[in-house]
Amino acid sequence: MLPCLQSTIVDSSGSVGGTSRARCPPSCRLASMTKIVVRDAEAFETEAIAGLRWRWIVDRGGVPVVSRKDFVASMLAFAAANEHTHHRIVAVRAGDIAGMAWLAVLPRVPSPRATDRASGDVQCVYVVPEERNSRVGSSILAATFEKARTLGLEHLTVHSSPESIHLYERAGFIVSPRALFADFAER
């Protein structure tokens, strides 16, 4: 039996149907074909998550510098090496992963007011094109925020594409004049 995880359910109209503590086992996924379930990813789903990341880059016109097989291997190795600091959240419809987000947890320097501190960075948020504009992205972000609260994170950051800024603002992110950015990657 699969473990129970907090899930957010989105029906085919895009309405959020609340949360569920139980996850359907694979045998009952067909019964919920019109539902999207947003939950923590299982380790066995990392290969499918790598496929979404690959699709995202290729669909935007990016040219991979490694083979898909090598990329999947690097994603599997990364997820295994960073399982305690990089949490994967997925949106699943009928057993297929339709969206994802990564929550990177970063320890912070202790303060006299709080010695055990951490913040989070939301990374690699992606929803397959056929599921966009149906609240799947919003549901993934809501689950990511809940995960951050559960982990006791002080705040979240995100680096957005221009077309996704409104999604992040609706989720609760604010544009801050105190957040500065220096980009060293020429990708």
Protein backbone atom coordinates (compact mmCIF):
# COMPACT_ATOMS: atom_id res chain seq x y z
CA MET A 1 0.00 0.00 0.00
CA LEU A 2 1.26 3.47 -0.85
CA PRO A 3 1.84 5.86 2.06
CA CYS A 4 -0.67 8.61 2.75
CA LEU A 5 0.43 12.08 1.73
CA GLN A 6 -1.28 15.42 1.73
CA SER A 7 -2.83 15.91 -1.72
CA THR A 8 -4.73 18.70 -3.41
CA ILE A 9 -7.43 17.62 -5.83
CA VAL A 10 -8.40 19.66 -8.90
CA ASP A 11 -11.35 18.54 -11.01
CA SER A 12 -11.61 18.87 -14.79
CA SER A 13 -13.19 22.33 -14.51
CA GLY A 14 -10.18 23.62 -12.59
CA SER A 15 -11.96 23.81 -9.23
CA VAL A 16 -9.90 22.92 -6.21
CA GLY A 17 -11.74 20.17 -4.37
CA GLY A 18 -9.91 20.37 -1.07
CA THR A 19 -7.28 18.07 0.25
CA SER A 20 -7.10 14.38 0.81
CA ARG A 21 -4.86 12.45 3.19
CA ALA A 22 -5.02 9.29 1.08
CA ARG A 23 -3.56 8.63 -2.34
CA CYS A 24 -5.18 6.29 -4.76
CA PRO A 25 -3.15 3.20 -5.52
CA PRO A 26 -2.42 2.64 -9.22
CA SER A 27 -5.42 0.32 -9.52
CA CYS A 28 -7.92 3.09 -8.70
CA ARG A 29 -6.34 5.86 -10.79
CA LEU A 30 -8.72 5.20 -13.68
CA ALA A 31 -11.65 6.05 -11.40
CA SER A 32 -10.31 9.60 -11.06
CA MET A 33 -9.41 10.34 -14.69
CA THR A 34 -10.98 13.81 -14.48
CA LYS A 35 -9.10 14.67 -11.30
CA ILE A 36 -5.63 16.08 -10.88
CA VAL A 37 -3.98 15.06 -7.62
CA VAL A 38 -1.12 17.27 -6.40
CA ARG A 39 1.21 15.57 -3.95
CA ASP A 40 4.78 14.82 -2.98
CA ALA A 41 6.47 12.79 -5.69
CA GLU A 42 7.58 9.23 -5.15
CA ALA A 43 11.18 8.25 -5.94
CA PHE A 44 10.05 6.01 -8.81
CA GLU A 45 8.50 9.09 -10.51
CA THR A 46 11.81 10.90 -10.89
CA GLU A 47 12.36 9.53 -14.39
CA ALA A 48 8.98 10.96 -15.50
CA ILE A 49 9.89 14.26 -13.81
CA ALA A 50 13.12 14.28 -15.81
CA GLY A 51 11.01 13.77 -18.93
CA LEU A 52 9.00 16.89 -18.09
CA ARG A 53 12.17 18.90 -17.57
CA TRP A 54 13.50 17.66 -20.91
CA ARG A 55 10.19 18.50 -22.65
CA TRP A 56 10.18 21.97 -21.10
CA ILE A 57 13.60 22.84 -22.53
CA VAL A 58 12.94 21.33 -25.97
CA ASP A 59 9.46 22.90 -26.28
CA ARG A 60 10.97 26.34 -25.63
CA GLY A 61 13.49 25.85 -28.41
CA GLY A 62 16.40 24.82 -26.21
CA VAL A 63 19.01 22.45 -27.55
CA PRO A 64 20.14 19.81 -25.06
CA VAL A 65 23.91 19.32 -24.71
CA VAL A 66 23.53 15.72 -23.49
CA SER A 67 21.48 12.77 -24.67
CA ARG A 68 18.08 12.24 -23.08
CA LYS A 69 19.39 9.02 -21.51
CA ASP A 70 22.34 10.86 -19.93
CA PHE A 71 20.05 13.65 -18.74
CA VAL A 72 17.67 11.21 -17.07
CA ALA A 73 20.63 9.52 -15.37
CA SER A 74 21.88 12.89 -14.10
CA MET A 75 18.40 13.79 -12.81
CA LEU A 76 18.10 10.45 -11.00
CA ALA A 77 21.53 10.94 -9.43
CA PHE A 78 20.72 14.54 -8.45
CA ALA A 79 17.39 13.58 -6.85
CA ALA A 80 19.00 10.73 -4.89
CA ALA A 81 21.91 12.88 -3.69
CA ASN A 82 19.62 15.76 -2.68
CA GLU A 83 16.50 14.00 -1.43
CA HIS A 84 16.60 15.83 1.93
CA THR A 85 17.03 19.31 0.46
CA HIS A 86 15.09 19.17 -2.82
CA HIS A 87 11.45 18.16 -2.48
CA ARG A 88 9.53 17.19 -5.62
CA ILE A 89 5.84 18.01 -5.94
CA VAL A 90 3.81 16.60 -8.82
CA ALA A 91 0.37 16.98 -10.36
CA VAL A 92 -0.93 13.61 -11.52
CA ARG A 93 -3.91 12.79 -13.76
CA ALA A 94 -4.79 9.13 -14.36
CA GLY A 95 -1.28 8.05 -13.39
CA ASP A 96 0.49 10.52 -15.69
CA ILE A 97 2.54 13.39 -14.29
CA ALA A 98 1.09 16.59 -15.73
CA GLY A 99 3.12 19.12 -13.75
CA MET A 100 5.89 19.52 -11.24
CA ALA A 101 7.77 21.84 -8.92
CA TRP A 102 10.91 21.45 -6.87
CA LEU A 103 11.30 23.06 -3.45
CA ALA A 104 14.97 23.55 -2.60
CA VAL A 105 15.49 24.00 1.14
CA LEU A 106 18.48 26.16 2.00
CA PRO A 107 19.91 26.45 5.52
CA ARG A 108 20.46 30.01 6.68
CA VAL A 109 23.04 31.54 8.96
CA PRO A 110 21.86 31.47 12.61
CA SER A 111 20.57 34.67 14.15
CA PRO A 112 20.43 35.58 17.84
CA ARG A 113 16.64 35.53 17.34
CA ALA A 114 16.51 32.15 15.56
CA THR A 115 19.35 29.66 15.48
CA ASP A 116 17.68 27.04 13.26
CA ARG A 117 16.75 28.84 10.08
CA ALA A 118 15.97 27.83 6.51
CA SER A 119 14.42 29.34 3.41
CA GLY A 120 13.22 27.82 0.19
CA ASP A 121 13.62 28.37 -3.51
CA VAL A 122 10.85 27.20 -5.82
CA GLN A 123 12.43 25.68 -8.90
CA CYS A 124 11.44 24.01 -12.15
CA VAL A 125 7.71 24.68 -12.01
CA TYR A 126 6.24 23.20 -15.18
CA VAL A 127 2.79 22.18 -16.35
CA VAL A 128 2.30 20.33 -19.62
CA PRO A 129 0.67 22.62 -22.22
CA GLU A 130 -2.55 20.61 -22.36
CA GLU A 131 -3.13 21.19 -18.60
CA ARG A 132 -2.36 24.91 -18.52
CA ASN A 133 -5.01 27.47 -17.59
CA SER A 134 -6.89 24.91 -15.51
CA ARG A 135 -5.50 25.81 -12.05
CA VAL A 136 -2.97 22.99 -12.09
CA GLY A 137 -0.06 25.43 -11.71
CA SER A 138 -1.88 27.26 -8.92
CA SER A 139 -2.52 23.95 -7.16
CA ILE A 140 1.14 22.94 -7.46
CA LEU A 141 2.17 26.27 -5.93
CA ALA A 142 -0.41 25.91 -3.14
CA ALA A 143 1.04 22.49 -2.28
CA THR A 144 4.56 23.95 -2.44
CA PHE A 145 3.58 26.74 -0.03
CA GLU A 146 2.05 24.18 2.33
CA LYS A 147 5.22 22.08 2.19
CA ALA A 148 7.30 25.19 2.98
CA ARG A 149 5.09 26.00 5.98
CA THR A 150 5.30 22.40 7.21
CA LEU A 151 9.09 22.57 6.98
CA GLY A 152 9.13 25.86 8.93
CA LEU A 153 10.78 27.86 6.16
CA GLU A 154 11.15 31.62 6.70
CA HIS A 155 10.40 32.58 3.13
CA LEU A 156 10.35 31.39 -0.47
CA THR A 157 11.95 32.80 -3.58
CA VAL A 158 11.31 32.02 -7.22
CA HIS A 159 12.95 32.98 -10.49
CA SER A 160 10.12 33.35 -12.97
CA SER A 161 9.80 33.48 -16.71
CA PRO A 162 8.06 36.69 -17.79
CA GLU A 163 4.87 34.84 -18.75
CA SER A 164 4.53 33.23 -15.30
CA ILE A 165 4.93 36.28 -13.06
CA HIS A 166 1.16 36.68 -12.62
CA LEU A 167 0.82 33.04 -11.57
CA TYR A 168 3.39 33.56 -8.82
CA GLU A 169 1.83 36.84 -7.69
CA ARG A 170 -1.61 35.18 -7.45
CA ALA A 171 -0.01 32.41 -5.35
CA GLY A 172 1.35 34.96 -2.84
CA PHE A 173 4.77 36.00 -4.10
CA ILE A 174 5.47 39.73 -4.12
CA VAL A 175 7.91 41.70 -6.19
CA SER A 176 10.50 43.04 -3.78
CA PRO A 177 12.96 45.88 -4.30
CA ARG A 178 15.20 44.09 -1.74
CA ALA A 179 15.66 40.98 -3.89
CA LEU A 180 18.62 41.37 -6.22
CA PHE A 181 19.89 38.95 -8.83
CA ALA A 182 23.25 38.31 -10.47
CA ASP A 183 23.20 35.81 -13.35
CA PHE A 184 26.45 33.96 -14.08
CA ALA A 185 25.03 31.23 -16.32
CA GLU A 186 24.95 32.00 -20.00
CA ARG A 187 22.23 29.49 -20.91
